Amino acid sequence: MPSITKESYIQYLDRLETIVAKKEMHKLKPYDPETGCLVTNLSKLPVNRLNFGTGEPDFIFPLTIEKNSAAVLADKEHFILRLAYTTTRKSQ
């Protein structure tokens, strides 16, 4: 996973401000999977209160997981960590 520092986060925010100033909204991303890490914590999501007409869901998980991202979910007393990352291999 890439390192997240105060400086890298400030650079990320600066890039966002530039994109907005240039009105290039199509370039807005929640994070850059090459240099950042996205963490989504759904462990407090009230799953037992979700009902779309067929009852309580059996399982909830995020559909969009990109590299260098993590999702934290909970099922009653159990926590689930879903992690996606890439490794770099050197050519031989």
PDB file of N, CA and C in Angstrom:
ATOM      1  N   MET A   1       0.852  -1.178   0.000  1.00  0.00           N
ATOM      2  CA  MET A   1       0.000   0.000   0.000  1.00  0.00           C
ATOM      3  C   MET A   1       0.892   1.233   0.000  1.00  0.00           C
ATOM      4  N   PRO A   2       0.515   2.247  -0.742  1.00  0.00           N
ATOM      5  CA  PRO A   2       1.323   3.467  -0.741  1.00  0.00           C
ATOM      6  C   PRO A   2       1.242   4.169   0.613  1.00  0.00           C
ATOM      7  N   SER A   3       2.298   4.890   0.948  1.00  0.00           N
ATOM      8  CA  SER A   3       2.312   5.651   2.191  1.00  0.00           C
ATOM      9  C   SER A   3       1.406   6.866   2.055  1.00  0.00           C
ATOM     10  N   ILE A   4       0.655   7.148   3.109  1.00  0.00           N
ATOM     11  CA  ILE A   4      -0.181   8.346   3.156  1.00  0.00           C
ATOM     12  C   ILE A   4       0.436   9.270   4.194  1.00  0.00           C
ATOM     13  N   THR A   5       0.841  10.442   3.753  1.00  0.00           N
ATOM     14  CA  THR A   5       1.448  11.417   4.658  1.00  0.00           C
ATOM     15  C   THR A   5       0.644  12.710   4.607  1.00  0.00           C
ATOM     16  N   LYS A   6       0.917  13.592   5.511  1.00  0.00           N
ATOM     17  CA  LYS A   6       0.252  14.891   5.498  1.00  0.00           C
ATOM     18  C   LYS A   6       0.539  15.609   4.179  1.00  0.00           C
ATOM     19  N   GLU A   7       1.774  15.529   3.724  1.00  0.00           N
ATOM     20  CA  GLU A   7       2.162  16.204   2.478  1.00  0.00           C
ATOM     21  C   GLU A   7       1.438  15.603   1.268  1.00  0.00           C
ATOM     22  N   SER A   8       1.353  14.275   1.201  1.00  0.00           N
ATOM     23  CA  SER A   8       0.674  13.654   0.055  1.00  0.00           C
ATOM     24  C   SER A   8      -0.818  13.978   0.070  1.00  0.00           C
ATOM     25  N   TYR A   9      -1.402  14.094   1.253  1.00  0.00           N
ATOM     26  CA  TYR A   9      -2.822  14.430   1.343  1.00  0.00           C
ATOM     27  C   TYR A   9      -3.057  15.879   0.917  1.00  0.00           C
ATOM     28  N   ILE A  10      -2.170  16.772   1.319  1.00  0.00           N
ATOM     29  CA  ILE A  10      -2.289  18.178   0.904  1.00  0.00           C
ATOM     30  C   ILE A  10      -2.149  18.293  -0.611  1.00  0.00           C
ATOM     31  N   GLN A  11      -1.231  17.527  -1.202  1.00  0.00           N
ATOM     32  CA  GLN A  11      -1.090  17.525  -2.666  1.00  0.00           C
ATOM     33  C   GLN A  11      -2.373  17.022  -3.324  1.00  0.00           C
ATOM     34  N   TYR A  12      -2.966  15.999  -2.763  1.00  0.00           N
ATOM     35  CA  TYR A  12      -4.219  15.466  -3.284  1.00  0.00           C
ATOM     36  C   TYR A  12      -5.308  16.541  -3.254  1.00  0.00           C
ATOM     37  N   LEU A  13      -5.438  17.249  -2.136  1.00  0.00           N
ATOM     38  CA  LEU A  13      -6.440  18.310  -2.024  1.00  0.00           C
ATOM     39  C   LEU A  13      -6.166  19.440  -3.009  1.00  0.00           C
ATOM     40  N   ASP A  14      -4.893  19.776  -3.195  1.00  0.00           N
ATOM     41  CA  ASP A  14      -4.530  20.810  -4.171  1.00  0.00           C
ATOM     42  C   ASP A  14      -4.948  20.396  -5.578  1.00  0.00           C
ATOM     43  N   ARG A  15      -4.734  19.124  -5.926  1.00  0.00           N
ATOM     44  CA  ARG A  15      -5.154  18.630  -7.254  1.00  0.00           C
ATOM     45  C   ARG A  15      -6.670  18.715  -7.408  1.00  0.00           C
ATOM     46  N   LEU A  16      -7.413  18.387  -6.357  1.00  0.00           N
ATOM     47  CA  LEU A  16      -8.865  18.503  -6.406  1.00  0.00           C
ATOM     48  C   LEU A  16      -9.300  19.941  -6.635  1.00  0.00           C
ATOM     49  N   GLU A  17      -8.683  20.864  -5.931  1.00  0.00           N
ATOM     50  CA  GLU A  17      -9.023  22.281  -6.093  1.00  0.00           C
ATOM     51  C   GLU A  17      -8.742  22.758  -7.518  1.00  0.00           C
ATOM     52  N   THR A  18      -7.645  22.297  -8.111  1.00  0.00           N
ATOM     53  CA  THR A  18      -7.311  22.669  -9.486  1.00  0.00           C
ATOM     54  C   THR A  18      -8.349  22.126 -10.457  1.00  0.00           C
ATOM     55  N   ILE A  19      -8.754  20.883 -10.263  1.00  0.00           N
ATOM     56  CA  ILE A  19      -9.770  20.267 -11.132  1.00  0.00           C
ATOM     57  C   ILE A  19     -11.076  21.050 -11.055  1.00  0.00           C
ATOM     58  N   VAL A  20     -11.494  21.425  -9.854  1.00  0.00           N
ATOM     59  CA  VAL A  20     -12.734  22.174  -9.676  1.00  0.00           C
ATOM     60  C   VAL A  20     -12.600  23.563 -10.303  1.00  0.00           C
ATOM     61  N   ALA A  21     -11.476  24.218 -10.084  1.00  0.00           N
ATOM     62  CA  ALA A  21     -11.263  25.559 -10.643  1.00  0.00           C
ATOM     63  C   ALA A  21     -11.314  25.537 -12.171  1.00  0.00           C
ATOM     64  N   LYS A  22     -10.819  24.456 -12.779  1.00  0.00           N
ATOM     65  CA  LYS A  22     -10.827  24.329 -14.239  1.00  0.00           C
ATOM     66  C   LYS A  22     -12.145  23.754 -14.768  1.00  0.00           C
ATOM     67  N   LYS A  23     -13.087  23.469 -13.846  1.00  0.00           N
ATOM     68  CA  LYS A  23     -14.388  22.886 -14.203  1.00  0.00           C
ATOM     69  C   LYS A  23     -14.254  21.574 -14.967  1.00  0.00           C
ATOM     70  N   GLU A  24     -13.290  20.764 -14.578  1.00  0.00           N
ATOM     71  CA  GLU A  24     -13.059  19.449 -15.171  1.00  0.00           C
ATOM     72  C   GLU A  24     -13.620  18.369 -14.244  1.00  0.00           C
ATOM     73  N   MET A  25     -14.908  18.463 -13.964  1.00  0.00           N
ATOM     74  CA  MET A  25     -15.538  17.590 -12.976  1.00  0.00           C
ATOM     75  C   MET A  25     -15.408  16.107 -13.324  1.00  0.00           C
ATOM     76  N   HIS A  26     -15.272  15.774 -14.598  1.00  0.00           N
ATOM     77  CA  HIS A  26     -15.131  14.371 -15.003  1.00  0.00           C
ATOM     78  C   HIS A  26     -13.841  13.747 -14.466  1.00  0.00           C
ATOM     79  N   LYS A  27     -12.900  14.586 -14.049  1.00  0.00           N
ATOM     80  CA  LYS A  27     -11.631  14.079 -13.510  1.00  0.00           C
ATOM     81  C   LYS A  27     -11.693  13.830 -12.006  1.00  0.00           C
ATOM     82  N   LEU A  28     -12.801  14.182 -11.365  1.00  0.00           N
ATOM     83  CA  LEU A  28     -12.895  13.994  -9.915  1.00  0.00           C
ATOM     84  C   LEU A  28     -13.010  12.516  -9.583  1.00  0.00           C
ATOM     85  N   LYS A  29     -12.166  12.055  -8.722  1.00  0.00           N
ATOM     86  CA  LYS A  29     -12.150  10.666  -8.256  1.00  0.00           C
ATOM     87  C   LYS A  29     -12.072  10.712  -6.726  1.00  0.00           C
ATOM     88  N   PRO A  30     -12.623   9.698  -6.046  1.00  0.00           N
ATOM     89  CA  PRO A  30     -12.509   9.722  -4.583  1.00  0.00           C
ATOM     90  C   PRO A  30     -11.066   9.559  -4.100  1.00  0.00           C
ATOM     91  N   TYR A  31     -10.221   8.969  -4.961  1.00  0.00           N
ATOM     92  CA  TYR A  31      -8.807   8.814  -4.633  1.00  0.00           C
ATOM     93  C   TYR A  31      -8.075   8.378  -5.889  1.00  0.00           C
ATOM     94  N   ASP A  32      -6.769   8.473  -5.863  1.00  0.00           N
ATOM     95  CA  ASP A  32      -5.943   8.017  -6.976  1.00  0.00           C
ATOM     96  C   ASP A  32      -5.397   6.650  -6.598  1.00  0.00           C
ATOM     97  N   PRO A  33      -5.852   5.560  -7.259  1.00  0.00           N
ATOM     98  CA  PRO A  33      -5.401   4.226  -6.861  1.00  0.00           C
ATOM     99  C   PRO A  33      -3.910   3.988  -7.076  1.00  0.00           C
ATOM    100  N   GLU A  34      -3.242   4.847  -7.819  1.00  0.00           N
ATOM    101  CA  GLU A  34      -1.792   4.708  -8.008  1.00  0.00           C
ATOM    102  C   GLU A  34      -1.007   5.273  -6.831  1.00  0.00           C
ATOM    103  N   THR A  35      -1.572   6.285  -6.159  1.00  0.00           N
ATOM    104  CA  THR A  35      -0.803   6.943  -5.094  1.00  0.00           C
ATOM    105  C   THR A  35      -1.557   7.031  -3.769  1.00  0.00           C
ATOM    106  N   GLY A  36      -2.789   6.585  -3.714  1.00  0.00           N
ATOM    107  CA  GLY A  36      -3.562   6.733  -2.486  1.00  0.00           C
ATOM    108  C   GLY A  36      -4.207   5.450  -2.045  1.00  0.00           C
ATOM    109  N   CYS A  37      -4.975   5.551  -0.974  1.00  0.00           N
ATOM    110  CA  CYS A  37      -5.689   4.408  -0.431  1.00  0.00           C
ATOM    111  C   CYS A  37      -7.062   4.889   0.014  1.00  0.00           C
ATOM    112  N   LEU A  38      -8.105   4.194  -0.411  1.00  0.00           N
ATOM    113  CA  LEU A  38      -9.471   4.521  -0.024  1.00  0.00           C
ATOM    114  C   LEU A  38      -9.940   3.501   1.002  1.00  0.00           C
ATOM    115  N   VAL A  39     -10.430   3.985   2.140  1.00  0.00           N
ATOM    116  CA  VAL A  39     -10.969   3.107   3.174  1.00  0.00           C
ATOM    117  C   VAL A  39     -12.428   3.482   3.380  1.00  0.00           C
ATOM    118  N   THR A  40     -13.312   2.504   3.285  1.00  0.00           N
ATOM    119  CA  THR A  40     -14.735   2.714   3.514  1.00  0.00           C
ATOM    120  C   THR A  40     -15.138   1.890   4.722  1.00  0.00           C
ATOM    121  N   ASN A  41     -15.653   2.562   5.745  1.00  0.00           N
ATOM    122  CA  ASN A  41     -16.065   1.876   6.966  1.00  0.00           C
ATOM    123  C   ASN A  41     -17.586   1.793   6.991  1.00  0.00           C
ATOM    124  N   LEU A  42     -18.108   0.604   6.730  1.00  0.00           N
ATOM    125  CA  LEU A  42     -19.550   0.375   6.764  1.00  0.00           C
ATOM    126  C   LEU A  42     -19.950  -0.439   7.981  1.00  0.00           C
ATOM    127  N   SER A  43     -19.071  -0.523   8.963  1.00  0.00           N
ATOM    128  CA  SER A  43     -19.331  -1.383  10.120  1.00  0.00           C
ATOM    129  C   SER A  43     -20.503  -0.897  10.966  1.00  0.00           C
ATOM    130  N   LYS A  44     -20.872   0.368  10.874  1.00  0.00           N
ATOM    131  CA  LYS A  44     -22.004   0.899  11.646  1.00  0.00           C
ATOM    132  C   LYS A  44     -23.273   1.007  10.805  1.00  0.00           C
ATOM    133  N   LEU A  45     -23.236   0.539   9.553  1.00  0.00           N
ATOM    134  CA  LEU A  45     -24.410   0.567   8.687  1.00  0.00           C
ATOM    135  C   LEU A  45     -25.512  -0.279   9.311  1.00  0.00           C
ATOM    136  N   PRO A  46     -26.698   0.284   9.524  1.00  0.00           N
ATOM    137  CA  PRO A  46     -27.775  -0.488  10.169  1.00  0.00           C
ATOM    138  C   PRO A  46     -28.424  -1.467   9.187  1.00  0.00           C
ATOM    139  N   VAL A  47     -27.703  -2.538   8.889  1.00  0.00           N
ATOM    140  CA  VAL A  47     -28.149  -3.520   7.896  1.00  0.00           C
ATOM    141  C   VAL A  47     -29.516  -4.081   8.249  1.00  0.00           C
ATOM    142  N   ASN A  48     -29.773  -4.295   9.528  1.00  0.00           N
ATOM    143  CA  ASN A  48     -31.046  -4.903   9.927  1.00  0.00           C
ATOM    144  C   ASN A  48     -32.236  -3.974   9.685  1.00  0.00           C
ATOM    145  N   ARG A  49     -31.993  -2.707   9.375  1.00  0.00           N
ATOM    146  CA  ARG A  49     -33.080  -1.779   9.070  1.00  0.00           C
ATOM    147  C   ARG A  49     -33.259  -1.587   7.569  1.00  0.00           C
ATOM    148  N   LEU A  50     -32.395  -2.181   6.751  1.00  0.00           N
ATOM    149  CA  LEU A  50     -32.546  -2.096   5.302  1.00  0.00           C
ATOM    150  C   LEU A  50     -33.556  -3.146   4.855  1.00  0.00           C
ATOM    151  N   ASN A  51     -34.573  -2.711   4.118  1.00  0.00           N
ATOM    152  CA  ASN A  51     -35.568  -3.647   3.616  1.00  0.00           C
ATOM    153  C   ASN A  51     -36.157  -3.035   2.356  1.00  0.00           C
ATOM    154  N   PHE A  52     -35.912  -3.665   1.230  1.00  0.00           N
ATOM    155  CA  PHE A  52     -36.421  -3.185  -0.041  1.00  0.00           C
ATOM    156  C   PHE A  52     -37.609  -4.018  -0.501  1.00  0.00           C
ATOM    157  N   GLY A  53     -38.353  -4.563   0.462  1.00  0.00           N
ATOM    158  CA  GLY A  53     -39.558  -5.317   0.154  1.00  0.00           C
ATOM    159  C   GLY A  53     -39.401  -6.818   0.237  1.00  0.00           C
ATOM    160  N   THR A  54     -38.182  -7.301   0.446  1.00  0.00           N
ATOM    161  CA  THR A  54     -37.979  -8.755   0.530  1.00  0.00           C
ATOM    162  C   THR A  54     -37.363  -9.167   1.858  1.00  0.00           C
ATOM    163  N   GLY A  55     -37.314  -8.262   2.802  1.00  0.00           N
ATOM    164  CA  GLY A  55     -36.740  -8.575   4.103  1.00  0.00           C
ATOM    165  C   GLY A  55     -35.305  -8.103   4.242  1.00  0.00           C
ATOM    166  N   GLU A  56     -34.755  -8.382   5.393  1.00  0.00           N
ATOM    167  CA  GLU A  56     -33.377  -7.981   5.717  1.00  0.00           C
ATOM    168  C   GLU A  56     -32.383  -8.672   4.773  1.00  0.00           C
ATOM    169  N   PRO A  57     -31.370  -7.944   4.304  1.00  0.00           N
ATOM    170  CA  PRO A  57     -30.377  -8.571   3.421  1.00  0.00           C
ATOM    171  C   PRO A  57     -29.544  -9.611   4.169  1.00  0.00           C
ATOM    172  N   ASP A  58     -29.106 -10.633   3.430  1.00  0.00           N
ATOM    173  CA  ASP A  58     -28.249 -11.659   4.012  1.00  0.00           C
ATOM    174  C   ASP A  58     -26.838 -11.147   4.228  1.00  0.00           C
ATOM    175  N   PHE A  59     -26.378 -10.300   3.316  1.00  0.00           N
ATOM    176  CA  PHE A  59     -24.990  -9.830   3.379  1.00  0.00           C
ATOM    177  C   PHE A  59     -24.887  -8.517   2.613  1.00  0.00           C
ATOM    178  N   ILE A  60     -24.097  -7.600   3.120  1.00  0.00           N
ATOM    179  CA  ILE A  60     -23.855  -6.308   2.478  1.00  0.00           C
ATOM    180  C   ILE A  60     -22.369  -6.222   2.167  1.00  0.00           C
ATOM    181  N   PHE A  61     -22.026  -5.808   0.945  1.00  0.00           N
ATOM    182  CA  PHE A  61     -20.624  -5.585   0.604  1.00  0.00           C
ATOM    183  C   PHE A  61     -20.547  -4.536  -0.496  1.00  0.00           C
ATOM    184  N   PRO A  62     -19.452  -3.789  -0.557  1.00  0.00           N
ATOM    185  CA  PRO A  62     -19.320  -2.758  -1.597  1.00  0.00           C
ATOM    186  C   PRO A  62     -19.056  -3.410  -2.955  1.00  0.00           C
ATOM    187  N   LEU A  63     -19.707  -2.910  -3.979  1.00  0.00           N
ATOM    188  CA  LEU A  63     -19.519  -3.445  -5.327  1.00  0.00           C
ATOM    189  C   LEU A  63     -18.286  -2.866  -5.996  1.00  0.00           C
ATOM    190  N   THR A  64     -17.936  -1.641  -5.661  1.00  0.00           N
ATOM    191  CA  THR A  64     -16.806  -0.991  -6.324  1.00  0.00           C
ATOM    192  C   THR A  64     -15.582  -1.021  -5.424  1.00  0.00           C
ATOM    193  N   ILE A  65     -14.736  -1.966  -5.659  1.00  0.00           N
ATOM    194  CA  ILE A  65     -13.457  -2.066  -4.964  1.00  0.00           C
ATOM    195  C   ILE A  65     -12.382  -1.933  -6.025  1.00  0.00           C
ATOM    196  N   GLU A  66     -11.547  -0.934  -5.876  1.00  0.00           N
ATOM    197  CA  GLU A  66     -10.432  -0.767  -6.795  1.00  0.00           C
ATOM    198  C   GLU A  66      -9.149  -1.077  -6.053  1.00  0.00           C
ATOM    199  N   LYS A  67      -8.051  -1.140  -6.791  1.00  0.00           N
ATOM    200  CA  LYS A  67      -6.797  -1.462  -6.121  1.00  0.00           C
ATOM    201  C   LYS A  67      -6.464  -0.372  -5.097  1.00  0.00           C
ATOM    202  N   ASN A  68      -5.754  -0.779  -4.074  1.00  0.00           N
ATOM    203  CA  ASN A  68      -5.395   0.089  -2.958  1.00  0.00           C
ATOM    204  C   ASN A  68      -6.636   0.654  -2.273  1.00  0.00           C
ATOM    205  N   SER A  69      -7.582  -0.224  -1.983  1.00  0.00           N
ATOM    206  CA  SER A  69      -8.774   0.189  -1.268  1.00  0.00           C
ATOM    207  C   SER A  69      -9.125  -0.875  -0.233  1.00  0.00           C
ATOM    208  N   ALA A  70      -9.851  -0.446   0.773  1.00  0.00           N
ATOM    209  CA  ALA A  70     -10.274  -1.369   1.823  1.00  0.00           C
ATOM    210  C   ALA A  70     -11.680  -1.006   2.252  1.00  0.00           C
ATOM    211  N   ALA A  71     -12.448  -2.011   2.639  1.00  0.00           N
ATOM    212  CA  ALA A  71     -13.791  -1.798   3.166  1.00  0.00           C
ATOM    213  C   ALA A  71     -13.916  -2.574   4.459  1.00  0.00           C
ATOM    214  N   VAL A  72     -14.488  -1.928   5.461  1.00  0.00           N
ATOM    215  CA  VAL A  72     -14.725  -2.570   6.755  1.00  0.00           C
ATOM    216  C   VAL A  72     -16.228  -2.741   6.893  1.00  0.00           C
ATOM    217  N   LEU A  73     -16.660  -3.968   7.080  1.00  0.00           N
ATOM    218  CA  LEU A  73     -18.072  -4.283   7.243  1.00  0.00           C
ATOM    219  C   LEU A  73     -18.264  -5.043   8.549  1.00  0.00           C
ATOM    220  N   ALA A  74     -19.496  -5.125   9.003  1.00  0.00           N
ATOM    221  CA  ALA A  74     -19.776  -5.872  10.229  1.00  0.00           C
ATOM    222  C   ALA A  74     -21.019  -6.714  10.030  1.00  0.00           C
ATOM    223  N   ASP A  75     -21.011  -7.874  10.624  1.00  0.00           N
ATOM    224  CA  ASP A  75     -22.159  -8.775  10.629  1.00  0.00           C
ATOM    225  C   ASP A  75     -22.394  -9.184  12.082  1.00  0.00           C
ATOM    226  N   LYS A  76     -23.285  -8.485  12.754  1.00  0.00           N
ATOM    227  CA  LYS A  76     -23.549  -8.658  14.180  1.00  0.00           C
ATOM    228  C   LYS A  76     -22.264  -8.439  14.970  1.00  0.00           C
ATOM    229  N   GLU A  77     -21.635  -9.478  15.471  1.00  0.00           N
ATOM    230  CA  GLU A  77     -20.423  -9.307  16.280  1.00  0.00           C
ATOM    231  C   GLU A  77     -19.146  -9.567  15.496  1.00  0.00           C
ATOM    232  N   HIS A  78     -19.262  -9.821  14.211  1.00  0.00           N
ATOM    233  CA  HIS A  78     -18.090 -10.129  13.392  1.00  0.00           C
ATOM    234  C   HIS A  78     -17.774  -8.973  12.464  1.00  0.00           C
ATOM    235  N   PHE A  79     -16.501  -8.732  12.241  1.00  0.00           N
ATOM    236  CA  PHE A  79     -16.071  -7.708  11.307  1.00  0.00           C
ATOM    237  C   PHE A  79     -15.458  -8.376  10.090  1.00  0.00           C
ATOM    238  N   ILE A  80     -15.668  -7.763   8.942  1.00  0.00           N
ATOM    239  CA  ILE A  80     -15.118  -8.263   7.685  1.00  0.00           C
ATOM    240  C   ILE A  80     -14.281  -7.150   7.080  1.00  0.00           C
ATOM    241  N   LEU A  81     -13.054  -7.465   6.721  1.00  0.00           N
ATOM    242  CA  LEU A  81     -12.178  -6.509   6.056  1.00  0.00           C
ATOM    243  C   LEU A  81     -11.976  -6.988   4.634  1.00  0.00           C
ATOM    244  N   ARG A  82     -12.392  -6.178   3.679  1.00  0.00           N
ATOM    245  CA  ARG A  82     -12.202  -6.511   2.265  1.00  0.00           C
ATOM    246  C   ARG A  82     -11.115  -5.592   1.735  1.00  0.00           C
ATOM    247  N   LEU A  83     -10.039  -6.179   1.271  1.00  0.00           N
ATOM    248  CA  LEU A  83      -8.840  -5.449   0.894  1.00  0.00           C
ATOM    249  C   LEU A  83      -8.494  -5.739  -0.552  1.00  0.00           C
ATOM    250  N   ALA A  84      -8.165  -4.705  -1.309  1.00  0.00           N
ATOM    251  CA  ALA A  84      -7.716  -4.875  -2.695  1.00  0.00           C
ATOM    252  C   ALA A  84      -6.430  -4.087  -2.863  1.00  0.00           C
ATOM    253  N   TYR A  85      -5.378  -4.742  -3.318  1.00  0.00           N
ATOM    254  CA  TYR A  85      -4.115  -4.058  -3.532  1.00  0.00           C
ATOM    255  C   TYR A  85      -3.355  -4.754  -4.638  1.00  0.00           C
ATOM    256  N   THR A  86      -2.346  -4.094  -5.140  1.00  0.00           N
ATOM    257  CA  THR A  86      -1.507  -4.696  -6.170  1.00  0.00           C
ATOM    258  C   THR A  86      -0.084  -4.729  -5.662  1.00  0.00           C
ATOM    259  N   THR A  87       0.653  -5.674  -6.173  1.00  0.00           N
ATOM    260  CA  THR A  87       2.060  -5.745  -5.871  1.00  0.00           C
ATOM    261  C   THR A  87       2.848  -5.492  -7.141  1.00  0.00           C
ATOM    262  N   THR A  88       4.037  -5.010  -6.980  1.00  0.00           N
ATOM    263  CA  THR A  88       4.894  -4.748  -8.142  1.00  0.00           C
ATOM    264  C   THR A  88       5.955  -5.831  -8.199  1.00  0.00           C
ATOM    265  N   ARG A  89       6.057  -6.467  -9.348  1.00  0.00           N
ATOM    266  CA  ARG A  89       7.077  -7.489  -9.538  1.00  0.00           C
ATOM    267  C   ARG A  89       8.159  -6.945 -10.457  1.00  0.00           C
ATOM    268  N   LYS A  90       9.391  -7.260 -10.146  1.00  0.00           N
ATOM    269  CA  LYS A  90      10.503  -6.859 -11.016  1.00  0.00           C
ATOM    270  C   LYS A  90      10.632  -7.850 -12.154  1.00  0.00           C
ATOM    271  N   SER A  91      10.958  -7.335 -13.319  1.00  0.00           N
ATOM    272  CA  SER A  91      11.173  -8.212 -14.473  1.00  0.00           C
ATOM    273  C   SER A  91      12.431  -9.026 -14.259  1.00  0.00           C
ATOM    274  N   GLN A  92      12.406 -10.269 -14.749  1.00  0.00           N
ATOM    275  CA  GLN A  92      13.574 -11.122 -14.592  1.00  0.00           C
ATOM    276  C   GLN A  92      14.359 -11.165 -15.879  1.00  0.00           C
TER     277      GLN A  92
END
